[in-house]
N, C-alpha and C. Protein backbone atom coordinates (compact mmCIF):
# COMPACT_ATOMS: atom_id res chain seq x y z
N MET A 1 -31.66 -48.43 4.81
CA MET A 1 -31.49 -47.03 5.05
C MET A 1 -30.06 -46.70 5.45
N LYS A 2 -29.47 -47.57 6.28
CA LYS A 2 -28.10 -47.36 6.71
C LYS A 2 -27.14 -47.53 5.53
N ILE A 3 -27.42 -48.48 4.67
CA ILE A 3 -26.59 -48.71 3.49
C ILE A 3 -26.65 -47.50 2.56
N THR A 4 -27.79 -46.87 2.44
CA THR A 4 -27.95 -45.69 1.60
C THR A 4 -27.09 -44.55 2.12
N LYS A 5 -27.06 -44.35 3.41
CA LYS A 5 -26.24 -43.30 4.00
C LYS A 5 -24.76 -43.58 3.78
N VAL A 6 -24.36 -44.81 3.94
CA VAL A 6 -22.95 -45.18 3.74
C VAL A 6 -22.57 -44.96 2.27
N LEU A 7 -23.42 -45.38 1.36
CA LEU A 7 -23.15 -45.18 -0.07
C LEU A 7 -23.11 -43.70 -0.41
N ALA A 8 -23.99 -42.90 0.18
CA ALA A 8 -23.99 -41.47 -0.06
C ALA A 8 -22.69 -40.83 0.43
N VAL A 9 -22.23 -41.24 1.61
CA VAL A 9 -20.96 -40.71 2.14
C VAL A 9 -19.80 -41.11 1.24
N ILE A 10 -19.79 -42.34 0.80
CA ILE A 10 -18.71 -42.81 -0.10
C ILE A 10 -18.75 -42.06 -1.43
N LEU A 11 -19.93 -41.84 -1.96
CA LEU A 11 -20.09 -41.13 -3.22
C LEU A 11 -19.63 -39.68 -3.09
N ILE A 12 -20.04 -39.02 -2.02
CA ILE A 12 -19.64 -37.63 -1.80
C ILE A 12 -18.12 -37.55 -1.60
N ALA A 13 -17.58 -38.45 -0.82
CA ALA A 13 -16.12 -38.47 -0.61
C ALA A 13 -15.40 -38.70 -1.93
N GLY A 14 -15.94 -39.58 -2.75
CA GLY A 14 -15.34 -39.83 -4.07
C GLY A 14 -15.35 -38.60 -4.94
N PHE A 15 -16.46 -37.87 -4.98
CA PHE A 15 -16.52 -36.63 -5.77
C PHE A 15 -15.55 -35.58 -5.24
N LEU A 16 -15.46 -35.47 -3.93
CA LEU A 16 -14.51 -34.51 -3.36
C LEU A 16 -13.07 -34.87 -3.73
N PHE A 17 -12.77 -36.17 -3.69
CA PHE A 17 -11.44 -36.63 -4.06
C PHE A 17 -11.16 -36.35 -5.54
N LEU A 18 -12.12 -36.65 -6.40
CA LEU A 18 -11.94 -36.43 -7.83
C LEU A 18 -11.78 -34.96 -8.18
N SER A 19 -12.54 -34.11 -7.50
CA SER A 19 -12.41 -32.68 -7.80
C SER A 19 -11.03 -32.17 -7.43
N ASN A 20 -10.45 -32.68 -6.36
CA ASN A 20 -9.08 -32.29 -6.01
C ASN A 20 -8.08 -32.80 -7.02
N VAL A 21 -8.30 -33.99 -7.52
CA VAL A 21 -7.39 -34.54 -8.52
C VAL A 21 -7.46 -33.72 -9.79
N TYR A 22 -8.66 -33.37 -10.25
CA TYR A 22 -8.79 -32.56 -11.45
C TYR A 22 -8.22 -31.17 -11.25
N ALA A 23 -8.43 -30.58 -10.09
CA ALA A 23 -7.89 -29.25 -9.83
C ALA A 23 -6.37 -29.29 -9.85
N ASP A 24 -5.80 -30.32 -9.27
CA ASP A 24 -4.35 -30.44 -9.25
C ASP A 24 -3.81 -30.69 -10.65
N ASP A 25 -4.51 -31.51 -11.43
CA ASP A 25 -4.07 -31.84 -12.77
C ASP A 25 -4.13 -30.63 -13.70
N SER A 26 -5.17 -29.84 -13.60
CA SER A 26 -5.33 -28.71 -14.51
C SER A 26 -4.40 -27.55 -14.16
N SER A 27 -3.84 -27.55 -12.97
CA SER A 27 -2.96 -26.44 -12.60
C SER A 27 -1.67 -26.45 -13.41
N ASN A 28 -1.33 -27.57 -14.01
CA ASN A 28 -0.10 -27.64 -14.80
C ASN A 28 -0.27 -27.06 -16.19
N GLU A 29 -1.51 -26.84 -16.63
CA GLU A 29 -1.74 -26.34 -17.99
C GLU A 29 -1.31 -24.89 -18.13
N THR A 30 -1.79 -24.03 -17.26
CA THR A 30 -1.47 -22.62 -17.34
C THR A 30 -0.95 -22.17 -15.99
N VAL A 31 0.34 -22.10 -15.87
CA VAL A 31 0.94 -21.69 -14.61
C VAL A 31 1.47 -20.29 -14.79
N THR A 32 1.00 -19.37 -13.97
CA THR A 32 1.52 -18.01 -14.00
C THR A 32 2.78 -18.00 -13.15
N SER A 33 3.89 -17.73 -13.78
CA SER A 33 5.14 -17.74 -13.05
C SER A 33 5.21 -16.53 -12.13
N GLU A 34 6.15 -16.59 -11.22
CA GLU A 34 6.32 -15.50 -10.27
C GLU A 34 6.72 -14.23 -10.98
N GLU A 35 7.34 -14.35 -12.15
CA GLU A 35 7.81 -13.19 -12.87
C GLU A 35 6.70 -12.44 -13.57
N ASN A 36 5.56 -13.06 -13.78
CA ASN A 36 4.49 -12.43 -14.54
C ASN A 36 3.20 -12.37 -13.74
N THR A 37 3.14 -11.40 -12.85
CA THR A 37 1.94 -11.19 -12.06
C THR A 37 1.61 -9.71 -12.06
N MET A 38 0.43 -9.38 -11.54
CA MET A 38 0.04 -7.97 -11.47
C MET A 38 1.00 -7.17 -10.60
N ALA A 39 1.38 -7.73 -9.46
CA ALA A 39 2.28 -7.01 -8.55
C ALA A 39 3.63 -6.75 -9.19
N VAL A 40 4.14 -7.74 -9.91
CA VAL A 40 5.44 -7.58 -10.57
C VAL A 40 5.33 -6.54 -11.69
N LYS A 41 4.21 -6.54 -12.40
CA LYS A 41 4.01 -5.55 -13.47
C LYS A 41 3.98 -4.14 -12.88
N PHE A 42 3.28 -3.97 -11.76
CA PHE A 42 3.21 -2.66 -11.12
C PHE A 42 4.59 -2.22 -10.64
N LYS A 43 5.32 -3.12 -9.99
CA LYS A 43 6.67 -2.81 -9.50
C LYS A 43 7.61 -2.48 -10.66
N ARG A 44 7.52 -3.26 -11.74
CA ARG A 44 8.36 -3.02 -12.92
C ARG A 44 8.07 -1.63 -13.49
N GLY A 45 6.79 -1.24 -13.51
CA GLY A 45 6.43 0.08 -14.01
C GLY A 45 7.02 1.20 -13.18
N LEU A 46 6.92 1.07 -11.86
CA LEU A 46 7.49 2.10 -10.98
C LEU A 46 9.00 2.20 -11.15
N ILE A 47 9.66 1.06 -11.23
CA ILE A 47 11.12 1.06 -11.39
C ILE A 47 11.51 1.67 -12.74
N ASN A 48 10.77 1.34 -13.79
CA ASN A 48 11.10 1.89 -15.11
C ASN A 48 10.85 3.39 -15.18
N ILE A 49 9.83 3.89 -14.50
CA ILE A 49 9.60 5.33 -14.47
C ILE A 49 10.76 6.02 -13.75
N ALA A 50 11.16 5.48 -12.62
CA ALA A 50 12.22 6.10 -11.81
C ALA A 50 13.59 6.03 -12.47
N THR A 51 13.86 4.93 -13.18
CA THR A 51 15.21 4.74 -13.73
C THR A 51 15.31 5.05 -15.22
N SER A 52 14.26 5.55 -15.83
CA SER A 52 14.31 5.83 -17.27
C SER A 52 15.42 6.80 -17.67
N PRO A 53 15.77 7.83 -16.87
CA PRO A 53 16.88 8.71 -17.28
C PRO A 53 18.23 7.99 -17.37
N LEU A 54 18.36 6.85 -16.74
CA LEU A 54 19.64 6.12 -16.81
C LEU A 54 19.90 5.52 -18.19
N GLU A 55 18.89 5.55 -19.05
CA GLU A 55 19.10 5.07 -20.43
C GLU A 55 20.12 5.93 -21.16
N ILE A 56 20.17 7.22 -20.85
CA ILE A 56 21.10 8.11 -21.58
C ILE A 56 22.55 7.74 -21.31
N PRO A 57 23.02 7.67 -20.06
CA PRO A 57 24.42 7.27 -19.87
C PRO A 57 24.70 5.84 -20.30
N LYS A 58 23.71 4.97 -20.20
CA LYS A 58 23.90 3.58 -20.64
C LYS A 58 24.19 3.54 -22.13
N GLN A 59 23.39 4.27 -22.92
CA GLN A 59 23.59 4.25 -24.37
C GLN A 59 24.85 5.00 -24.78
N ILE A 60 25.20 6.06 -24.05
CA ILE A 60 26.47 6.76 -24.33
C ILE A 60 27.63 5.80 -24.13
N ARG A 61 27.59 5.03 -23.04
CA ARG A 61 28.66 4.06 -22.78
C ARG A 61 28.71 3.00 -23.88
N ASN A 62 27.53 2.49 -24.28
CA ASN A 62 27.50 1.47 -25.33
C ASN A 62 28.08 2.00 -26.64
N TYR A 63 27.69 3.21 -27.02
CA TYR A 63 28.19 3.77 -28.27
C TYR A 63 29.65 4.19 -28.16
N TRP A 64 30.09 4.60 -26.97
CA TRP A 64 31.50 4.93 -26.75
C TRP A 64 32.35 3.69 -27.01
N ASN A 65 31.90 2.56 -26.48
CA ASN A 65 32.64 1.31 -26.69
C ASN A 65 32.65 0.91 -28.16
N LYS A 66 31.57 1.14 -28.90
CA LYS A 66 31.56 0.86 -30.34
C LYS A 66 32.57 1.72 -31.06
N GLY A 67 32.63 3.01 -30.70
CA GLY A 67 33.58 3.92 -31.34
C GLY A 67 35.02 3.55 -31.03
N LYS A 68 35.26 3.08 -29.81
CA LYS A 68 36.61 2.68 -29.42
C LYS A 68 37.07 1.47 -30.23
N GLU A 69 36.14 0.54 -30.48
CA GLU A 69 36.47 -0.64 -31.28
C GLU A 69 36.81 -0.27 -32.72
N LYS A 70 36.15 0.75 -33.24
CA LYS A 70 36.35 1.12 -34.65
C LYS A 70 37.37 2.23 -34.81
N ASN A 71 37.98 2.72 -33.72
CA ASN A 71 38.98 3.79 -33.73
C ASN A 71 38.48 5.03 -34.47
N GLN A 72 37.26 5.41 -34.19
CA GLN A 72 36.70 6.61 -34.82
C GLN A 72 36.56 7.70 -33.77
N LYS A 73 36.18 8.89 -34.23
CA LYS A 73 36.05 10.02 -33.31
C LYS A 73 34.95 9.75 -32.29
N ASN A 74 35.28 9.96 -31.04
CA ASN A 74 34.34 9.64 -29.97
C ASN A 74 33.14 10.58 -29.92
N ILE A 75 33.29 11.82 -30.38
CA ILE A 75 32.19 12.77 -30.30
C ILE A 75 30.99 12.29 -31.12
N VAL A 76 31.26 11.62 -32.23
CA VAL A 76 30.18 11.09 -33.06
C VAL A 76 29.43 10.01 -32.30
N TRP A 77 30.16 9.15 -31.65
CA TRP A 77 29.54 8.05 -30.92
C TRP A 77 28.84 8.53 -29.65
N VAL A 78 29.38 9.56 -29.01
CA VAL A 78 28.73 10.12 -27.83
C VAL A 78 27.41 10.79 -28.23
N THR A 79 27.42 11.50 -29.36
CA THR A 79 26.20 12.14 -29.84
C THR A 79 25.15 11.09 -30.22
N ALA A 80 25.58 10.06 -30.91
CA ALA A 80 24.66 8.98 -31.29
C ALA A 80 24.11 8.28 -30.05
N GLY A 81 24.96 8.08 -29.06
CA GLY A 81 24.53 7.45 -27.82
C GLY A 81 23.54 8.32 -27.05
N THR A 82 23.75 9.63 -27.10
CA THR A 82 22.83 10.55 -26.42
C THR A 82 21.45 10.51 -27.08
N VAL A 83 21.43 10.55 -28.41
CA VAL A 83 20.15 10.50 -29.13
C VAL A 83 19.44 9.17 -28.88
N LYS A 84 20.18 8.08 -28.98
CA LYS A 84 19.59 6.76 -28.72
C LYS A 84 19.13 6.66 -27.26
N GLY A 85 19.89 7.21 -26.32
CA GLY A 85 19.53 7.19 -24.91
C GLY A 85 18.25 7.96 -24.63
N ILE A 86 18.10 9.12 -25.28
CA ILE A 86 16.88 9.91 -25.10
C ILE A 86 15.68 9.15 -25.66
N ALA A 87 15.85 8.53 -26.82
CA ALA A 87 14.76 7.74 -27.41
C ALA A 87 14.39 6.57 -26.51
N ASN A 88 15.38 5.87 -25.99
CA ASN A 88 15.10 4.73 -25.09
C ASN A 88 14.50 5.20 -23.77
N MET A 89 14.93 6.38 -23.30
CA MET A 89 14.37 6.92 -22.07
C MET A 89 12.87 7.19 -22.23
N VAL A 90 12.50 7.79 -23.34
CA VAL A 90 11.09 8.06 -23.60
C VAL A 90 10.31 6.75 -23.71
N GLY A 91 10.89 5.78 -24.40
CA GLY A 91 10.24 4.48 -24.52
C GLY A 91 10.08 3.78 -23.18
N ARG A 92 11.12 3.82 -22.35
CA ARG A 92 11.06 3.16 -21.04
C ARG A 92 10.10 3.89 -20.11
N LEU A 93 10.08 5.21 -20.19
CA LEU A 93 9.15 5.99 -19.39
C LEU A 93 7.70 5.66 -19.80
N GLY A 94 7.45 5.58 -21.09
CA GLY A 94 6.12 5.21 -21.57
C GLY A 94 5.73 3.80 -21.17
N SER A 95 6.68 2.89 -21.25
CA SER A 95 6.44 1.51 -20.82
C SER A 95 6.13 1.45 -19.33
N GLY A 96 6.83 2.24 -18.53
CA GLY A 96 6.59 2.27 -17.10
C GLY A 96 5.22 2.84 -16.77
N VAL A 97 4.85 3.92 -17.46
CA VAL A 97 3.52 4.50 -17.23
C VAL A 97 2.44 3.50 -17.63
N TRP A 98 2.65 2.80 -18.74
CA TRP A 98 1.70 1.78 -19.19
C TRP A 98 1.55 0.68 -18.13
N ASP A 99 2.69 0.20 -17.63
CA ASP A 99 2.65 -0.87 -16.63
C ASP A 99 1.93 -0.44 -15.35
N VAL A 100 2.16 0.80 -14.91
CA VAL A 100 1.54 1.27 -13.67
C VAL A 100 0.04 1.48 -13.86
N THR A 101 -0.35 2.04 -14.99
CA THR A 101 -1.77 2.35 -15.18
C THR A 101 -2.59 1.11 -15.54
N THR A 102 -1.96 0.10 -16.12
CA THR A 102 -2.72 -1.09 -16.54
C THR A 102 -2.22 -2.35 -15.84
N PHE A 103 -1.70 -2.21 -14.62
CA PHE A 103 -1.13 -3.38 -13.95
C PHE A 103 -2.16 -4.46 -13.70
N ASN A 104 -3.43 -4.11 -13.60
CA ASN A 104 -4.45 -5.11 -13.31
C ASN A 104 -5.07 -5.71 -14.58
N VAL A 105 -4.60 -5.30 -15.75
CA VAL A 105 -5.09 -5.82 -17.02
C VAL A 105 -4.04 -6.79 -17.56
N ASN A 106 -4.45 -7.97 -17.94
CA ASN A 106 -3.53 -8.97 -18.47
C ASN A 106 -3.24 -8.69 -19.94
N MET A 107 -2.55 -7.58 -20.16
CA MET A 107 -2.26 -7.15 -21.52
C MET A 107 -0.92 -6.44 -21.53
N PRO A 108 0.05 -6.83 -22.26
CA PRO A 108 0.14 -7.99 -23.12
C PRO A 108 -0.02 -9.28 -22.32
N LYS A 109 -0.19 -10.36 -23.03
CA LYS A 109 -0.51 -11.63 -22.40
C LYS A 109 0.51 -11.98 -21.31
N ASN A 110 0.03 -12.51 -20.20
CA ASN A 110 0.83 -12.93 -19.04
C ASN A 110 1.64 -11.78 -18.44
N TYR A 111 1.13 -10.56 -18.56
CA TYR A 111 1.75 -9.39 -17.95
C TYR A 111 3.19 -9.19 -18.42
N GLU A 112 3.46 -9.52 -19.65
CA GLU A 112 4.80 -9.36 -20.20
C GLU A 112 5.15 -7.87 -20.32
N PRO A 113 6.42 -7.51 -20.27
CA PRO A 113 6.81 -6.11 -20.41
C PRO A 113 6.71 -5.66 -21.87
N LEU A 114 6.48 -4.37 -22.07
CA LEU A 114 6.44 -3.82 -23.42
C LEU A 114 7.85 -3.66 -23.98
N MET A 115 8.79 -3.37 -23.11
CA MET A 115 10.15 -3.08 -23.54
C MET A 115 11.10 -4.14 -23.01
N LYS A 116 11.96 -4.61 -23.88
CA LYS A 116 12.98 -5.58 -23.49
C LYS A 116 14.34 -4.89 -23.55
N PRO A 117 15.20 -5.09 -22.59
CA PRO A 117 15.07 -5.85 -21.37
C PRO A 117 14.09 -5.18 -20.41
N ASP A 118 13.69 -5.91 -19.39
CA ASP A 118 12.68 -5.41 -18.45
C ASP A 118 13.12 -4.14 -17.74
N PHE A 119 14.39 -4.05 -17.40
CA PHE A 119 14.91 -2.92 -16.62
C PHE A 119 16.14 -2.34 -17.31
N VAL A 120 16.51 -1.11 -16.93
CA VAL A 120 17.66 -0.45 -17.53
C VAL A 120 18.94 -1.23 -17.32
N ASN A 121 19.13 -1.75 -16.12
CA ASN A 121 20.39 -2.41 -15.79
C ASN A 121 20.45 -3.87 -16.21
N SER A 122 19.39 -4.36 -16.86
CA SER A 122 19.39 -5.76 -17.33
C SER A 122 20.26 -5.88 -18.57
N VAL A 123 20.83 -7.05 -18.75
CA VAL A 123 21.66 -7.31 -19.91
C VAL A 123 20.77 -7.59 -21.11
N GLU A 124 21.09 -6.96 -22.23
CA GLU A 124 20.26 -7.14 -23.43
C GLU A 124 20.54 -8.44 -24.12
């Protein structure tokens, strides 16, 4: 009877040990990085909603620099930058609203952003 209890304790301890080993081993298969979580998706959405108007001056600057390189009239490049900035602003605003409303849904996969770069001030 005593041997049965000892064997039962050893068996239970062995199963507990094995379950920890398997849990530790399987954690390497699918690791959710710190960059792709529900909280980060929600925060990214709020930031993109708040900073979406900054797309307009960003694109004006980008197109201004293109025009300067080509020695062409700046008004054309400023107008093109304004149009592109408004389009990107609408896209970033929509992406931010999507992220805020669906932050708890793993869609797209691994909570990836809809718009790249993630934020207005990120380098493309």
